N, C-alpha and C. Protein backbone atom coordinates (compact mmCIF):
# COMPACT_ATOMS: atom_id res chain seq x y z
N UNK A 1 15.17 11.91 24.40
CA UNK A 1 16.10 10.79 25.32
C UNK A 1 15.69 9.39 24.91
N UNK A 2 16.77 8.50 24.65
CA UNK A 2 16.55 7.26 24.13
C UNK A 2 16.03 6.41 25.31
N UNK A 3 14.96 5.58 25.10
CA UNK A 3 14.38 4.81 25.99
C UNK A 3 14.90 3.43 25.77
N UNK A 4 15.27 2.76 26.77
CA UNK A 4 15.64 1.38 26.79
C UNK A 4 14.96 0.62 27.94
N UNK A 5 14.28 -0.44 27.52
CA UNK A 5 13.56 -1.35 28.55
C UNK A 5 13.93 -2.78 28.28
N UNK A 6 14.60 -3.46 29.31
CA UNK A 6 15.11 -4.83 29.31
C UNK A 6 16.03 -5.02 28.07
N UNK A 7 16.92 -3.97 28.03
CA UNK A 7 18.00 -3.90 27.00
C UNK A 7 17.50 -3.79 25.58
N UNK A 8 16.29 -3.55 25.34
CA UNK A 8 15.73 -3.17 24.05
C UNK A 8 15.48 -1.78 23.88
N UNK A 9 16.14 -1.25 22.91
CA UNK A 9 16.02 0.26 22.60
C UNK A 9 14.86 0.46 21.96
N UNK A 10 13.96 1.46 22.34
CA UNK A 10 12.84 1.90 21.51
C UNK A 10 13.45 2.98 20.54
N UNK A 11 13.17 2.71 19.26
CA UNK A 11 13.90 3.73 18.27
C UNK A 11 13.44 5.14 18.47
N UNK A 12 14.29 5.89 18.66
CA UNK A 12 14.15 7.41 18.81
C UNK A 12 13.99 8.10 17.55
N UNK A 13 12.91 7.89 16.91
CA UNK A 13 12.84 8.49 15.46
C UNK A 13 11.35 9.10 15.33
N UNK A 14 11.21 10.11 14.42
CA UNK A 14 9.96 10.78 14.15
C UNK A 14 8.89 9.55 13.79
N UNK A 15 9.13 8.65 13.00
CA UNK A 15 8.24 7.54 12.76
C UNK A 15 7.76 6.79 13.93
N UNK A 16 8.58 6.42 14.88
CA UNK A 16 8.21 5.86 15.97
C UNK A 16 7.45 6.82 16.89
N UNK A 17 7.87 8.05 17.08
CA UNK A 17 7.08 8.98 17.88
C UNK A 17 5.60 9.08 17.28
N UNK A 18 5.51 9.23 16.02
CA UNK A 18 4.16 9.36 15.37
C UNK A 18 3.31 8.17 15.61
N UNK A 19 3.92 6.89 15.45
CA UNK A 19 3.15 5.64 15.73
C UNK A 19 2.72 5.67 17.13
N UNK A 20 3.59 5.93 18.14
CA UNK A 20 3.22 5.94 19.40
C UNK A 20 2.24 6.92 19.74
N UNK A 21 2.07 8.11 19.25
CA UNK A 21 1.07 9.07 19.40
C UNK A 21 -0.22 8.52 18.92
N UNK A 22 -0.10 8.04 17.68
CA UNK A 22 -1.39 7.54 17.07
C UNK A 22 -2.12 6.58 17.74
N UNK A 23 -1.39 5.48 18.18
CA UNK A 23 -1.87 4.26 18.96
C UNK A 23 -2.25 4.68 20.29
N UNK A 24 -1.65 5.49 20.98
CA UNK A 24 -1.86 5.93 22.34
C UNK A 24 -3.26 6.66 22.41
N UNK A 25 -3.56 7.58 21.27
CA UNK A 25 -4.88 8.22 21.21
C UNK A 25 -5.89 7.29 20.89
N UNK A 26 -5.75 6.29 19.88
CA UNK A 26 -6.86 5.44 19.52
C UNK A 26 -7.20 4.31 20.25
N UNK A 27 -6.20 4.00 21.34
CA UNK A 27 -6.52 2.81 22.14
C UNK A 27 -6.53 3.17 23.68
N UNK A 28 -7.08 2.08 24.39
CA UNK A 28 -6.89 2.25 25.87
C UNK A 28 -5.65 1.77 26.41
N UNK A 29 -5.46 1.85 27.69
CA UNK A 29 -4.33 1.41 28.36
C UNK A 29 -3.97 -0.03 28.18
N UNK A 30 -5.13 -0.83 28.01
CA UNK A 30 -4.87 -2.37 27.80
C UNK A 30 -4.13 -2.57 26.51
N UNK A 31 -4.70 -2.04 25.30
CA UNK A 31 -4.18 -2.30 24.11
C UNK A 31 -2.73 -1.46 23.87
N UNK A 32 -2.64 -0.31 24.48
CA UNK A 32 -1.43 0.33 24.39
C UNK A 32 -0.36 -0.47 24.92
N UNK A 33 -0.38 -0.81 26.24
CA UNK A 33 0.67 -1.51 26.98
C UNK A 33 0.90 -2.80 26.37
N UNK A 34 -0.24 -3.58 26.00
CA UNK A 34 -0.03 -4.81 25.34
C UNK A 34 0.80 -4.59 23.99
N UNK A 35 0.60 -3.65 23.09
CA UNK A 35 1.24 -3.46 21.81
C UNK A 35 2.66 -3.12 22.17
N UNK A 36 2.95 -2.35 23.19
CA UNK A 36 4.40 -2.15 23.52
C UNK A 36 5.09 -3.37 24.04
N UNK A 37 4.29 -4.15 24.80
CA UNK A 37 5.01 -5.42 25.14
C UNK A 37 5.25 -6.47 24.09
N UNK A 38 4.44 -6.27 22.93
CA UNK A 38 4.56 -7.07 21.85
C UNK A 38 5.83 -6.68 21.00
N UNK A 39 6.05 -5.44 21.07
CA UNK A 39 7.41 -4.95 20.44
C UNK A 39 8.52 -5.40 21.18
N UNK A 40 8.53 -5.32 22.59
CA UNK A 40 9.70 -5.69 23.34
C UNK A 40 9.83 -7.19 23.48
N UNK A 41 8.79 -8.06 23.61
CA UNK A 41 8.93 -9.39 23.62
C UNK A 41 9.43 -9.96 22.23
N UNK A 42 8.70 -9.26 21.19
CA UNK A 42 9.21 -9.71 19.96
C UNK A 42 10.73 -9.45 19.69
N UNK A 43 11.26 -8.33 20.02
CA UNK A 43 12.56 -8.05 20.13
C UNK A 43 13.49 -9.03 20.90
N UNK A 44 13.11 -9.37 22.12
CA UNK A 44 13.68 -10.34 22.88
C UNK A 44 13.69 -11.72 22.15
N UNK A 45 12.59 -12.15 21.59
CA UNK A 45 12.53 -13.34 20.88
C UNK A 45 13.47 -13.37 19.62
N UNK A 46 13.43 -12.13 19.04
CA UNK A 46 14.48 -12.00 17.94
C UNK A 46 15.87 -12.20 18.20
N UNK A 47 16.25 -11.61 19.38
CA UNK A 47 17.71 -11.91 19.90
C UNK A 47 17.96 -13.41 20.11
N UNK A 48 17.06 -14.11 20.64
CA UNK A 48 17.05 -15.51 20.87
C UNK A 48 17.27 -16.37 19.69
N UNK A 49 16.47 -15.90 18.64
CA UNK A 49 16.45 -16.53 17.33
C UNK A 49 17.48 -16.20 16.39
N UNK A 50 18.30 -15.09 16.68
CA UNK A 50 19.38 -14.54 15.94
C UNK A 50 18.77 -13.88 14.73
N UNK A 51 17.66 -13.16 14.92
CA UNK A 51 17.09 -12.44 13.72
C UNK A 51 17.21 -10.95 13.93
N UNK A 52 17.36 -10.24 12.82
CA UNK A 52 17.64 -8.79 12.86
C UNK A 52 16.74 -8.00 12.12
N UNK A 53 15.67 -7.66 12.61
CA UNK A 53 14.48 -6.85 11.95
C UNK A 53 14.91 -5.46 11.99
N UNK A 54 14.12 -4.79 11.02
CA UNK A 54 14.26 -3.33 11.13
C UNK A 54 13.40 -2.95 12.33
N UNK A 55 14.06 -2.09 13.36
CA UNK A 55 13.32 -1.89 14.60
C UNK A 55 12.18 -1.11 14.33
N UNK A 56 12.22 -0.10 13.36
CA UNK A 56 11.11 0.77 13.18
C UNK A 56 9.88 0.05 12.60
N UNK A 57 10.17 -0.80 11.59
CA UNK A 57 9.16 -1.66 11.07
C UNK A 57 8.55 -2.64 12.10
N UNK A 58 9.35 -3.15 13.02
CA UNK A 58 8.83 -4.07 13.95
C UNK A 58 8.02 -3.26 14.97
N UNK A 59 8.34 -2.10 15.23
CA UNK A 59 7.71 -1.34 16.05
C UNK A 59 6.34 -1.02 15.61
N UNK A 60 6.28 -0.61 14.46
CA UNK A 60 4.94 -0.13 13.86
C UNK A 60 3.96 -1.44 13.76
N UNK A 61 4.57 -2.50 13.27
CA UNK A 61 3.83 -3.81 13.22
C UNK A 61 3.18 -4.03 14.58
N UNK A 62 4.02 -4.01 15.63
CA UNK A 62 3.62 -4.29 16.99
C UNK A 62 2.48 -3.30 17.45
N UNK A 63 2.70 -2.04 17.24
CA UNK A 63 1.88 -1.01 17.75
C UNK A 63 0.42 -1.10 17.06
N UNK A 64 0.35 -1.42 15.80
CA UNK A 64 -0.65 -1.48 14.97
C UNK A 64 -1.46 -2.76 14.97
N UNK A 65 -0.78 -3.77 15.58
CA UNK A 65 -1.45 -5.13 15.26
C UNK A 65 -2.86 -5.30 15.80
N UNK A 66 -3.26 -4.56 16.83
CA UNK A 66 -4.64 -4.72 17.32
C UNK A 66 -5.52 -3.45 17.14
N UNK A 67 -4.94 -2.64 16.23
CA UNK A 67 -5.73 -1.30 15.96
C UNK A 67 -7.07 -1.50 15.41
N UNK A 68 -7.20 -2.69 14.70
CA UNK A 68 -8.56 -3.01 14.04
C UNK A 68 -9.56 -3.44 15.02
N UNK A 69 -9.15 -3.59 16.32
CA UNK A 69 -10.26 -3.88 17.43
C UNK A 69 -10.89 -2.62 17.86
N UNK A 70 -10.34 -1.45 17.49
CA UNK A 70 -10.83 -0.09 17.90
C UNK A 70 -12.00 0.39 17.14
N UNK A 71 -12.92 1.43 17.68
CA UNK A 71 -14.05 1.75 16.87
C UNK A 71 -13.47 2.64 15.89
N UNK A 72 -12.33 3.34 16.01
CA UNK A 72 -11.90 4.26 14.93
C UNK A 72 -11.46 3.65 13.75
N UNK A 73 -10.81 2.41 13.94
CA UNK A 73 -9.95 1.75 12.73
C UNK A 73 -10.88 0.52 12.35
N UNK A 74 -11.52 -0.10 13.19
CA UNK A 74 -12.40 -1.25 12.91
C UNK A 74 -13.39 -1.10 11.86
N UNK A 75 -13.82 -2.28 11.03
CA UNK A 75 -14.79 -2.20 10.05
C UNK A 75 -15.82 -3.13 10.54
N UNK A 76 -16.84 -3.29 9.69
CA UNK A 76 -17.94 -4.32 9.85
C UNK A 76 -17.83 -5.54 9.09
N UNK A 77 -16.91 -5.47 7.99
CA UNK A 77 -16.93 -6.60 7.01
C UNK A 77 -15.56 -7.24 6.88
N UNK A 78 -14.46 -6.89 7.49
CA UNK A 78 -13.16 -7.38 7.38
C UNK A 78 -12.72 -8.00 8.67
N UNK A 79 -11.77 -8.77 8.61
CA UNK A 79 -11.14 -9.37 9.71
C UNK A 79 -10.30 -8.17 10.49
N UNK A 80 -10.41 -8.07 11.80
CA UNK A 80 -9.76 -6.98 12.43
C UNK A 80 -8.41 -6.76 12.26
N UNK A 81 -7.70 -8.07 11.85
CA UNK A 81 -6.32 -8.18 11.58
C UNK A 81 -5.97 -7.38 10.24
N UNK A 82 -6.93 -7.34 9.28
CA UNK A 82 -6.81 -6.72 7.95
C UNK A 82 -7.01 -5.22 8.26
N UNK A 83 -7.94 -4.80 9.01
CA UNK A 83 -8.09 -3.41 9.29
C UNK A 83 -6.87 -2.89 9.90
N UNK A 84 -6.21 -3.47 10.76
CA UNK A 84 -4.99 -2.95 11.47
C UNK A 84 -3.96 -2.88 10.42
N UNK A 85 -3.84 -4.05 9.45
CA UNK A 85 -2.77 -4.10 8.42
C UNK A 85 -3.01 -2.99 7.62
N UNK A 86 -4.14 -2.63 7.10
CA UNK A 86 -4.35 -1.51 6.33
C UNK A 86 -3.87 -0.19 6.95
N UNK A 87 -4.33 -0.06 8.21
CA UNK A 87 -3.91 1.21 8.83
C UNK A 87 -2.35 1.31 8.85
N UNK A 88 -1.68 0.35 9.18
CA UNK A 88 -0.20 0.27 9.18
C UNK A 88 0.42 0.67 7.90
N UNK A 89 -0.16 0.03 6.82
CA UNK A 89 0.36 0.30 5.47
C UNK A 89 0.13 1.68 5.14
N UNK A 90 -1.00 2.31 5.33
CA UNK A 90 -1.34 3.84 5.08
C UNK A 90 -0.30 4.70 5.79
N UNK A 91 -0.11 4.32 7.16
CA UNK A 91 0.66 5.11 8.02
C UNK A 91 2.11 5.22 7.37
N UNK A 92 2.61 3.99 7.03
CA UNK A 92 3.98 3.93 6.65
C UNK A 92 4.19 4.57 5.17
N UNK A 93 3.15 4.57 4.37
CA UNK A 93 3.38 5.24 3.01
C UNK A 93 3.10 6.70 3.23
N UNK A 94 2.38 7.20 4.19
CA UNK A 94 2.15 8.52 4.44
C UNK A 94 3.50 8.96 5.10
N UNK A 95 4.35 8.13 5.64
CA UNK A 95 5.59 8.65 6.26
C UNK A 95 6.92 8.39 5.32
N UNK A 96 6.49 8.13 4.05
CA UNK A 96 7.53 8.07 3.09
C UNK A 96 8.43 6.76 3.12
N UNK A 97 7.77 5.71 3.73
CA UNK A 97 8.43 4.48 3.70
C UNK A 97 8.16 3.73 2.46
N UNK A 98 8.87 2.85 1.91
CA UNK A 98 8.61 2.20 0.51
C UNK A 98 7.32 1.30 0.63
N UNK A 99 6.88 1.01 -0.58
CA UNK A 99 5.93 0.07 -0.83
C UNK A 99 6.19 -1.37 -0.21
N UNK A 100 7.42 -1.57 -0.54
CA UNK A 100 7.92 -2.98 -0.03
C UNK A 100 7.80 -3.09 1.53
N UNK A 101 8.24 -2.01 2.09
CA UNK A 101 8.26 -1.93 3.58
C UNK A 101 6.80 -1.96 4.10
N UNK A 102 6.09 -1.20 3.56
CA UNK A 102 4.61 -1.06 4.07
C UNK A 102 3.95 -2.39 3.89
N UNK A 103 4.29 -3.02 2.82
CA UNK A 103 3.56 -4.44 2.54
C UNK A 103 4.13 -5.50 3.56
N UNK A 104 5.43 -5.31 3.78
CA UNK A 104 5.92 -6.18 4.91
C UNK A 104 5.29 -6.14 6.21
N UNK A 105 4.85 -4.70 6.70
CA UNK A 105 4.27 -4.48 7.84
C UNK A 105 2.77 -4.96 7.79
N UNK A 106 2.20 -4.73 6.62
CA UNK A 106 0.79 -5.25 6.25
C UNK A 106 0.80 -6.71 6.68
N UNK A 107 1.71 -7.47 6.05
CA UNK A 107 1.74 -8.94 6.42
C UNK A 107 1.96 -9.20 7.80
N UNK A 108 2.79 -8.55 8.52
CA UNK A 108 3.03 -8.77 9.86
C UNK A 108 1.77 -8.66 10.71
N UNK A 109 1.00 -7.64 10.46
CA UNK A 109 -0.33 -7.34 11.20
C UNK A 109 -1.32 -8.36 10.74
N UNK A 110 -1.42 -8.49 9.54
CA UNK A 110 -2.59 -9.43 9.01
C UNK A 110 -2.41 -10.86 9.32
N UNK A 111 -1.12 -11.28 9.59
CA UNK A 111 -0.95 -12.64 9.91
C UNK A 111 -0.74 -13.01 11.29
N UNK A 112 -0.82 -12.03 12.18
CA UNK A 112 -0.41 -12.19 13.53
C UNK A 112 -1.18 -13.16 14.37
N UNK A 113 -2.40 -13.57 13.84
CA UNK A 113 -3.19 -14.74 14.43
C UNK A 113 -3.27 -15.90 13.66
N UNK A 114 -2.33 -16.06 12.69
CA UNK A 114 -2.43 -17.16 11.91
C UNK A 114 -1.11 -18.11 12.23
N UNK A 115 -1.17 -18.94 13.13
CA UNK A 115 -0.03 -19.74 13.62
C UNK A 115 0.61 -20.61 12.47
N UNK A 116 1.93 -20.84 12.56
CA UNK A 116 2.49 -21.81 11.53
C UNK A 116 2.96 -21.05 10.35
N UNK A 117 2.82 -19.87 10.14
CA UNK A 117 3.11 -19.21 8.86
C UNK A 117 4.22 -18.11 9.01
N UNK A 118 3.96 -17.14 10.05
CA UNK A 118 4.74 -15.91 10.05
C UNK A 118 6.16 -16.28 10.34
N UNK A 119 6.54 -17.41 11.13
CA UNK A 119 7.94 -17.59 11.50
C UNK A 119 8.69 -17.92 10.27
N UNK A 120 8.14 -18.26 9.15
CA UNK A 120 8.83 -18.60 7.90
C UNK A 120 9.06 -17.38 7.08
N UNK A 121 8.70 -16.39 7.53
CA UNK A 121 8.74 -15.03 6.63
C UNK A 121 9.74 -14.12 7.26
N UNK A 122 9.66 -12.80 6.61
CA UNK A 122 10.66 -11.81 7.15
C UNK A 122 10.72 -11.68 8.63
N UNK A 123 11.78 -11.20 9.25
CA UNK A 123 11.98 -11.14 10.63
C UNK A 123 10.97 -10.15 11.22
N UNK A 124 10.57 -9.13 10.58
CA UNK A 124 9.53 -8.25 11.11
C UNK A 124 8.13 -8.95 11.18
N UNK A 125 7.98 -9.77 10.25
CA UNK A 125 6.54 -10.54 10.26
C UNK A 125 6.66 -11.60 11.35
N UNK A 126 7.74 -12.36 11.40
CA UNK A 126 7.87 -13.47 12.35
C UNK A 126 7.89 -12.85 13.72
N UNK A 127 8.39 -11.73 14.04
CA UNK A 127 8.63 -11.27 15.37
C UNK A 127 7.37 -10.59 15.98
N UNK A 128 6.52 -9.90 15.03
CA UNK A 128 5.25 -9.30 15.67
C UNK A 128 4.57 -10.58 16.16
N UNK A 129 4.35 -11.70 15.39
CA UNK A 129 3.67 -12.94 15.88
C UNK A 129 4.32 -13.33 17.12
N UNK A 130 5.64 -13.53 17.23
CA UNK A 130 6.52 -14.00 18.41
C UNK A 130 6.06 -13.15 19.59
N UNK A 131 6.02 -11.81 19.39
CA UNK A 131 5.64 -10.92 20.56
C UNK A 131 4.26 -11.16 21.07
N UNK A 132 3.38 -11.44 20.15
CA UNK A 132 2.01 -11.57 20.47
C UNK A 132 1.94 -12.97 21.21
N UNK A 133 2.47 -13.91 20.63
CA UNK A 133 2.39 -15.36 21.25
C UNK A 133 2.84 -15.39 22.60
N UNK A 134 4.07 -14.56 22.81
CA UNK A 134 4.67 -14.58 24.22
C UNK A 134 3.64 -13.85 25.12
N UNK A 135 3.04 -12.63 24.79
CA UNK A 135 2.33 -11.85 25.68
C UNK A 135 0.92 -12.47 25.93
N UNK A 136 0.19 -13.13 24.91
CA UNK A 136 -1.00 -13.64 24.93
C UNK A 136 -1.07 -15.07 25.32
N UNK A 137 -0.31 -15.86 24.63
CA UNK A 137 -0.37 -17.35 24.91
C UNK A 137 0.75 -17.88 25.74
N UNK A 138 1.62 -17.14 26.06
CA UNK A 138 2.67 -17.54 26.83
C UNK A 138 3.64 -18.54 26.14
N UNK A 139 3.68 -18.52 24.84
CA UNK A 139 4.64 -19.24 24.07
C UNK A 139 5.91 -18.66 24.09
N UNK A 140 7.06 -19.28 24.44
CA UNK A 140 8.16 -18.75 24.54
C UNK A 140 8.58 -18.02 25.81
N UNK A 141 7.56 -18.01 26.69
CA UNK A 141 7.59 -17.35 28.03
C UNK A 141 8.90 -17.85 28.91
N UNK A 142 9.03 -19.11 28.77
CA UNK A 142 10.15 -19.66 29.70
C UNK A 142 11.54 -19.59 28.99
N UNK A 143 11.59 -19.19 27.69
CA UNK A 143 12.76 -19.06 26.96
C UNK A 143 13.43 -17.66 27.27
N UNK A 144 12.64 -16.84 27.94
CA UNK A 144 13.26 -15.52 28.30
C UNK A 144 13.73 -15.37 29.51
N UNK A 145 14.67 -14.49 29.86
CA UNK A 145 15.19 -14.16 31.19
C UNK A 145 14.19 -13.50 32.05
N UNK A 146 13.76 -14.20 33.21
CA UNK A 146 12.80 -13.69 34.11
C UNK A 146 12.97 -12.03 34.56
N UNK A 147 14.33 -11.74 34.56
CA UNK A 147 14.55 -10.37 34.89
C UNK A 147 14.07 -9.44 33.85
N UNK A 148 14.26 -9.93 32.65
CA UNK A 148 14.03 -9.00 31.43
C UNK A 148 12.53 -8.94 31.32
N UNK A 149 11.77 -10.08 31.65
CA UNK A 149 10.31 -10.12 31.59
C UNK A 149 9.75 -9.10 32.71
N UNK A 150 10.37 -9.28 33.86
CA UNK A 150 9.96 -8.28 34.82
C UNK A 150 10.17 -6.84 34.53
N UNK A 151 11.18 -6.51 33.71
CA UNK A 151 11.54 -5.11 33.44
C UNK A 151 10.44 -4.63 32.48
N UNK A 152 10.08 -5.44 31.48
CA UNK A 152 8.98 -5.16 30.52
C UNK A 152 7.82 -4.90 31.28
N UNK A 153 7.37 -5.90 32.14
CA UNK A 153 6.00 -5.69 32.66
C UNK A 153 5.94 -4.53 33.74
N UNK A 154 7.17 -4.15 34.27
CA UNK A 154 7.25 -2.96 35.15
C UNK A 154 6.97 -1.65 34.39
N UNK A 155 7.41 -1.72 33.18
CA UNK A 155 7.28 -0.47 32.34
C UNK A 155 5.89 -0.58 31.71
N UNK A 156 5.38 -1.74 31.34
CA UNK A 156 4.00 -1.87 30.72
C UNK A 156 3.31 -2.91 31.41
N UNK A 157 2.61 -2.64 32.51
CA UNK A 157 1.95 -3.62 33.36
C UNK A 157 0.78 -4.33 32.63
N UNK A 158 0.48 -5.56 33.15
CA UNK A 158 -0.65 -6.30 32.65
C UNK A 158 -1.57 -6.77 33.71
N UNK A 159 -2.17 -5.91 34.44
CA UNK A 159 -3.13 -6.34 35.41
C UNK A 159 -4.38 -6.99 34.94
N UNK A 160 -4.81 -8.03 35.38
CA UNK A 160 -5.95 -8.91 34.95
C UNK A 160 -5.99 -8.94 33.30
N UNK A 161 -4.71 -9.12 32.81
CA UNK A 161 -4.60 -9.16 31.32
C UNK A 161 -5.26 -10.24 30.53
N UNK A 162 -5.25 -11.50 31.03
CA UNK A 162 -6.05 -12.50 30.41
C UNK A 162 -7.42 -12.28 30.25
N UNK A 163 -8.11 -11.84 31.18
CA UNK A 163 -9.60 -11.69 31.14
C UNK A 163 -9.81 -10.41 30.32
N UNK A 164 -8.99 -9.43 30.48
CA UNK A 164 -9.31 -8.23 29.72
C UNK A 164 -8.99 -8.24 28.29
N UNK A 165 -7.96 -8.99 27.84
CA UNK A 165 -7.63 -9.05 26.41
C UNK A 165 -8.82 -9.97 25.77
N UNK A 166 -9.13 -10.99 26.38
CA UNK A 166 -10.41 -11.72 25.82
C UNK A 166 -11.50 -10.93 25.66
N UNK A 167 -11.76 -10.15 26.56
CA UNK A 167 -13.18 -9.26 26.47
C UNK A 167 -12.95 -8.19 25.39
N UNK A 168 -11.59 -7.77 25.10
CA UNK A 168 -11.34 -6.88 24.04
C UNK A 168 -11.55 -7.42 22.75
N UNK A 169 -11.00 -8.77 22.54
CA UNK A 169 -11.22 -9.56 21.33
C UNK A 169 -12.61 -9.60 21.04
N UNK A 170 -13.45 -9.92 22.10
CA UNK A 170 -14.86 -10.22 21.81
C UNK A 170 -15.51 -8.91 21.40
N UNK A 171 -15.19 -7.92 22.12
CA UNK A 171 -15.73 -6.59 21.72
C UNK A 171 -15.55 -6.13 20.31
N UNK A 172 -14.31 -6.44 19.83
CA UNK A 172 -13.75 -6.06 18.50
C UNK A 172 -14.35 -6.88 17.46
N UNK A 173 -14.89 -7.99 17.70
CA UNK A 173 -15.40 -8.85 16.50
C UNK A 173 -16.77 -9.41 16.73
N UNK A 174 -17.39 -9.06 17.66
CA UNK A 174 -18.77 -9.63 18.03
C UNK A 174 -19.82 -9.05 17.12
N UNK A 175 -19.57 -7.87 16.56
CA UNK A 175 -20.41 -7.23 15.49
C UNK A 175 -20.22 -7.78 14.00
N UNK A 176 -19.18 -8.65 13.90
CA UNK A 176 -18.84 -9.22 12.52
C UNK A 176 -18.28 -10.51 12.74
N UNK A 177 -19.27 -11.26 13.29
CA UNK A 177 -18.83 -12.81 13.41
C UNK A 177 -18.51 -13.56 12.27
N UNK A 178 -18.95 -13.12 11.09
CA UNK A 178 -18.78 -13.84 9.85
C UNK A 178 -17.22 -13.75 9.53
N UNK A 179 -16.46 -12.83 9.94
CA UNK A 179 -15.09 -12.59 9.74
C UNK A 179 -14.22 -13.61 10.55
N UNK A 180 -14.82 -14.26 11.53
CA UNK A 180 -13.90 -15.05 12.38
C UNK A 180 -13.77 -16.60 11.95
N UNK A 181 -14.37 -16.82 10.72
CA UNK A 181 -14.38 -18.30 10.29
C UNK A 181 -12.94 -18.61 9.99
N UNK A 182 -12.49 -19.71 10.60
CA UNK A 182 -11.15 -20.30 10.35
C UNK A 182 -10.03 -19.47 11.12
N UNK A 183 -10.46 -18.67 12.04
CA UNK A 183 -9.49 -17.84 12.91
C UNK A 183 -9.66 -18.25 14.35
N UNK A 184 -8.68 -17.83 15.12
CA UNK A 184 -8.78 -18.10 16.59
C UNK A 184 -9.99 -17.38 17.22
N UNK A 185 -10.49 -16.36 16.64
CA UNK A 185 -11.57 -15.49 17.24
C UNK A 185 -12.94 -16.17 17.22
N UNK A 186 -13.08 -17.30 16.53
CA UNK A 186 -14.31 -17.96 16.65
C UNK A 186 -14.24 -18.81 18.00
N UNK A 187 -13.10 -19.04 18.50
CA UNK A 187 -13.18 -19.55 20.01
C UNK A 187 -13.67 -18.43 20.93
N UNK A 188 -13.14 -17.21 20.70
CA UNK A 188 -13.41 -16.08 21.69
C UNK A 188 -15.15 -15.97 21.61
N UNK A 189 -15.60 -15.90 20.33
CA UNK A 189 -16.99 -15.70 20.37
C UNK A 189 -17.75 -16.82 20.97
N UNK A 190 -17.32 -18.17 20.74
CA UNK A 190 -18.02 -19.32 21.32
C UNK A 190 -17.96 -19.09 22.87
N UNK A 191 -16.73 -18.60 23.49
CA UNK A 191 -16.70 -18.42 24.86
C UNK A 191 -17.63 -17.54 25.39
N UNK A 192 -17.78 -16.27 24.76
CA UNK A 192 -18.59 -15.27 25.39
C UNK A 192 -20.15 -15.50 25.11
N UNK A 193 -20.51 -16.16 23.88
CA UNK A 193 -21.75 -16.28 23.46
C UNK A 193 -22.21 -17.64 23.17
N UNK A 194 -22.80 -18.26 24.09
CA UNK A 194 -23.22 -19.77 23.88
C UNK A 194 -24.06 -20.06 22.73
N UNK A 195 -24.74 -19.01 22.14
CA UNK A 195 -25.59 -19.07 20.99
C UNK A 195 -24.82 -19.14 19.73
N UNK A 196 -23.57 -18.67 19.77
CA UNK A 196 -22.82 -18.59 18.55
C UNK A 196 -22.56 -19.78 17.75
N UNK A 197 -22.82 -19.83 16.43
CA UNK A 197 -22.64 -21.17 15.80
C UNK A 197 -21.59 -20.96 14.84
N UNK A 198 -20.46 -21.71 14.95
CA UNK A 198 -19.33 -21.71 14.05
C UNK A 198 -19.74 -22.17 12.70
N UNK A 199 -19.17 -21.56 11.61
CA UNK A 199 -19.23 -22.24 10.42
C UNK A 199 -18.48 -23.58 10.40
N UNK A 200 -19.00 -24.49 9.52
CA UNK A 200 -18.24 -25.73 9.57
C UNK A 200 -17.66 -25.98 8.17
N UNK A 201 -16.37 -26.02 8.16
CA UNK A 201 -15.55 -26.25 6.95
C UNK A 201 -15.94 -27.43 6.17
N UNK A 202 -16.15 -28.66 6.90
CA UNK A 202 -16.65 -29.79 6.32
C UNK A 202 -17.91 -29.61 5.69
N UNK A 203 -18.92 -29.11 6.24
CA UNK A 203 -20.26 -28.87 5.78
C UNK A 203 -20.39 -27.90 4.55
N UNK A 204 -19.28 -26.83 4.56
CA UNK A 204 -19.34 -26.04 3.48
C UNK A 204 -18.93 -26.76 2.11
N UNK A 205 -17.95 -27.68 2.41
CA UNK A 205 -17.41 -28.52 1.20
C UNK A 205 -18.56 -29.41 0.82
N UNK A 206 -19.22 -30.10 1.60
CA UNK A 206 -20.24 -31.07 1.26
C UNK A 206 -21.41 -30.34 0.81
N UNK A 207 -21.74 -29.21 1.21
CA UNK A 207 -23.12 -28.67 0.85
C UNK A 207 -22.96 -27.50 -0.20
N UNK A 208 -21.84 -27.36 -0.82
CA UNK A 208 -21.71 -26.34 -1.75
C UNK A 208 -22.43 -26.53 -3.11
N UNK A 209 -22.44 -25.76 -4.11
CA UNK A 209 -23.21 -26.02 -5.30
C UNK A 209 -22.60 -26.91 -6.32
N UNK A 210 -21.42 -27.43 -6.11
CA UNK A 210 -20.85 -28.46 -7.04
C UNK A 210 -21.69 -29.54 -6.90
N UNK A 211 -22.09 -30.36 -8.02
CA UNK A 211 -22.93 -31.51 -8.02
C UNK A 211 -22.24 -32.74 -7.57
N UNK A 212 -20.81 -32.80 -7.66
CA UNK A 212 -20.07 -33.97 -7.36
C UNK A 212 -19.22 -33.79 -6.14
């Protein structure tokens, strides 16, 4: 049975069903509902921007974007975004999607915390970030119909979401602080751990091995 939320159709395909099943098993309610909202808000922002993404690829990008925060898919030496991107790429190749499509979703997941870049790339890449920005940062929130927002959050509630998602970010990267340099996640570590010392880009330049 086709599922429609806030006027957005969840693709009724084996690929989407497999992605949903994988993410549902690998994540908790917080990340599952957040990921579904990312797809829905990304799709709504796409309508507003006049973009036409491949809905299956957008869905996989949205559902896998935080998978690197989990114990099963997270690493100790890579950015969590790259962990999720690699998982999405493998998933799509295993389900007979093209290398080009898999790479597009790799970029969508890997770049979702890199502001100012995704909106200039393919719709699937731009809209995973747009969905994340709407759900986490409130960017574009006031551009959407309140009734459609209410329908999304009725289907995928966000109780205490701000506090819980920050805690999930911290839990997912605290054991690999070196991977947060130059990313939004060093703000998260600094918030939760007063002893955390950020790497300083200027000092790296001034103190490196070049003599001049």
